[in-house]
């Protein structure tokens, strides 16, 4: 699987949050970069731990080739499973 953070998010641009899948850290993600990890298809709990007080969670149904989009907006972090990076 891939976790992708588009470079177009300007809020928290210098923050490199931890990405946690089913309780295990798979890496830290920088603005405009991707990280890759192995998992099985199905429902998984995805967390983004940005700062000591921030911890955003989502349960996503992932399939082969899923991309998890991580970003920020005015209200906080977003987690979304997408089919492509476009």
C-alpha atoms as a PDB file:
ATOM      1  CA  UNK A   1       0.000   0.000   0.000  1.00  0.00           C
ATOM      2  CA  UNK A   2       1.017   3.598  -0.427  1.00  0.00           C
ATOM      3  CA  UNK A   3       0.476   6.636   1.782  1.00  0.00           C
ATOM      4  CA  UNK A   4       0.692   9.864  -0.208  1.00  0.00           C
ATOM      5  CA  UNK A   5       0.886  13.450   1.000  1.00  0.00           C
ATOM      6  CA  UNK A   6       0.373  15.992  -1.805  1.00  0.00           C
ATOM      7  CA  UNK A   7       2.688  19.002  -1.849  1.00  0.00           C
ATOM      8  CA  UNK A   8      -0.206  21.425  -2.269  1.00  0.00           C
ATOM      9  CA  UNK A   9      -1.068  21.438   1.438  1.00  0.00           C
ATOM     10  CA  UNK A  10       0.537  24.483   3.032  1.00  0.00           C
ATOM     11  CA  UNK A  11      -0.728  24.154   6.589  1.00  0.00           C
ATOM     12  CA  UNK A  12       1.730  22.179   8.750  1.00  0.00           C
ATOM     13  CA  UNK A  13       4.117  21.964   5.767  1.00  0.00           C
ATOM     14  CA  UNK A  14       7.100  21.452   8.107  1.00  0.00           C
ATOM     15  CA  UNK A  15       5.366  18.810  10.227  1.00  0.00           C
ATOM     16  CA  UNK A  16       6.233  15.211   9.292  1.00  0.00           C
ATOM     17  CA  UNK A  17       3.531  13.105  10.950  1.00  0.00           C
ATOM     18  CA  UNK A  18       3.855   9.455  11.901  1.00  0.00           C
ATOM     19  CA  UNK A  19       1.594   7.120   9.936  1.00  0.00           C
ATOM     20  CA  UNK A  20       0.332   4.197  12.022  1.00  0.00           C
ATOM     21  CA  UNK A  21      -1.513   1.222  10.522  1.00  0.00           C
ATOM     22  CA  UNK A  22      -3.283  -1.167  12.894  1.00  0.00           C
ATOM     23  CA  UNK A  23      -1.168   0.087  15.800  1.00  0.00           C
ATOM     24  CA  UNK A  24       2.236  -0.212  14.072  1.00  0.00           C
ATOM     25  CA  UNK A  25       4.181   2.788  12.765  1.00  0.00           C
ATOM     26  CA  UNK A  26       4.916   2.429   9.043  1.00  0.00           C
ATOM     27  CA  UNK A  27       6.871   5.677   8.722  1.00  0.00           C
ATOM     28  CA  UNK A  28       6.818   9.446   8.772  1.00  0.00           C
ATOM     29  CA  UNK A  29       5.514  11.326   5.763  1.00  0.00           C
ATOM     30  CA  UNK A  30       6.892  14.585   4.435  1.00  0.00           C
ATOM     31  CA  UNK A  31       5.009  17.115   2.344  1.00  0.00           C
ATOM     32  CA  UNK A  32       4.930  15.953  -1.297  1.00  0.00           C
ATOM     33  CA  UNK A  33       6.195  12.432  -0.598  1.00  0.00           C
ATOM     34  CA  UNK A  34       4.935   8.851  -0.389  1.00  0.00           C
ATOM     35  CA  UNK A  35       5.722   5.950   1.894  1.00  0.00           C
ATOM     36  CA  UNK A  36       4.995   2.316   1.086  1.00  0.00           C
ATOM     37  CA  UNK A  37       4.058  -0.588   3.359  1.00  0.00           C
ATOM     38  CA  UNK A  38       2.745  -4.143   3.128  1.00  0.00           C
ATOM     39  CA  UNK A  39      -0.717  -5.097   4.365  1.00  0.00           C
ATOM     40  CA  UNK A  40      -3.624  -7.326   3.424  1.00  0.00           C
ATOM     41  CA  UNK A  41      -6.758  -6.063   1.679  1.00  0.00           C
ATOM     42  CA  UNK A  42      -9.666  -5.265   3.994  1.00  0.00           C
ATOM     43  CA  UNK A  43     -10.519  -2.844   6.783  1.00  0.00           C
ATOM     44  CA  UNK A  44      -7.596  -1.231   8.608  1.00  0.00           C
ATOM     45  CA  UNK A  45      -7.269   1.486  11.229  1.00  0.00           C
ATOM     46  CA  UNK A  46      -5.069   4.311   9.941  1.00  0.00           C
ATOM     47  CA  UNK A  47      -3.720   7.011  12.267  1.00  0.00           C
ATOM     48  CA  UNK A  48      -1.796  10.205  11.643  1.00  0.00           C
ATOM     49  CA  UNK A  49       0.079  11.435  14.687  1.00  0.00           C
ATOM     50  CA  UNK A  50       1.241  14.931  13.809  1.00  0.00           C
ATOM     51  CA  UNK A  51       2.030  16.676  17.063  1.00  0.00           C
ATOM     52  CA  UNK A  52       2.015  15.496  20.653  1.00  0.00           C
ATOM     53  CA  UNK A  53      -1.663  16.449  21.002  1.00  0.00           C
ATOM     54  CA  UNK A  54      -2.871  15.498  17.508  1.00  0.00           C
ATOM     55  CA  UNK A  55      -3.984  11.973  16.709  1.00  0.00           C
ATOM     56  CA  UNK A  56      -6.332  11.488  13.753  1.00  0.00           C
ATOM     57  CA  UNK A  57      -7.866   8.072  13.035  1.00  0.00           C
ATOM     58  CA  UNK A  58      -9.926   6.528  10.272  1.00  0.00           C
ATOM     59  CA  UNK A  59     -11.047   3.015   9.434  1.00  0.00           C
ATOM     60  CA  UNK A  60     -10.499   2.492   5.724  1.00  0.00           C
ATOM     61  CA  UNK A  61     -11.423  -0.465   3.533  1.00  0.00           C
ATOM     62  CA  UNK A  62      -8.250  -1.014   1.502  1.00  0.00           C
ATOM     63  CA  UNK A  63      -7.827  -3.172  -1.565  1.00  0.00           C
ATOM     64  CA  UNK A  64      -4.860  -4.092  -3.758  1.00  0.00           C
ATOM     65  CA  UNK A  65      -3.345  -0.859  -5.069  1.00  0.00           C
ATOM     66  CA  UNK A  66      -5.139   1.460  -2.645  1.00  0.00           C
ATOM     67  CA  UNK A  67      -3.513   4.812  -1.995  1.00  0.00           C
ATOM     68  CA  UNK A  68      -4.122   6.563   1.318  1.00  0.00           C
ATOM     69  CA  UNK A  69      -4.148  10.331   0.877  1.00  0.00           C
ATOM     70  CA  UNK A  70      -2.919  12.301   3.889  1.00  0.00           C
ATOM     71  CA  UNK A  71      -3.276  16.065   3.981  1.00  0.00           C
ATOM     72  CA  UNK A  72      -4.193  19.067   6.022  1.00  0.00           C
ATOM     73  CA  UNK A  73      -6.778  21.755   5.750  1.00  0.00           C
ATOM     74  CA  UNK A  74      -8.035  24.500   7.995  1.00  0.00           C
ATOM     75  CA  UNK A  75      -9.747  22.114  10.421  1.00  0.00           C
ATOM     76  CA  UNK A  76      -7.018  19.471  10.686  1.00  0.00           C
ATOM     77  CA  UNK A  77      -5.688  16.340   8.997  1.00  0.00           C
ATOM     78  CA  UNK A  78      -7.552  14.261   6.471  1.00  0.00           C
ATOM     79  CA  UNK A  79      -7.283  10.569   5.649  1.00  0.00           C
ATOM     80  CA  UNK A  80      -8.860   9.226   2.484  1.00  0.00           C
ATOM     81  CA  UNK A  81      -8.482   6.078   0.366  1.00  0.00           C
ATOM     82  CA  UNK A  82      -8.206   7.027  -3.319  1.00  0.00           C
ATOM     83  CA  UNK A  83      -7.740   5.117  -6.574  1.00  0.00           C
ATOM     84  CA  UNK A  84      -5.036   7.366  -8.026  1.00  0.00           C
ATOM     85  CA  UNK A  85      -2.962  10.414  -7.164  1.00  0.00           C
ATOM     86  CA  UNK A  86      -4.903  12.726  -9.475  1.00  0.00           C
END
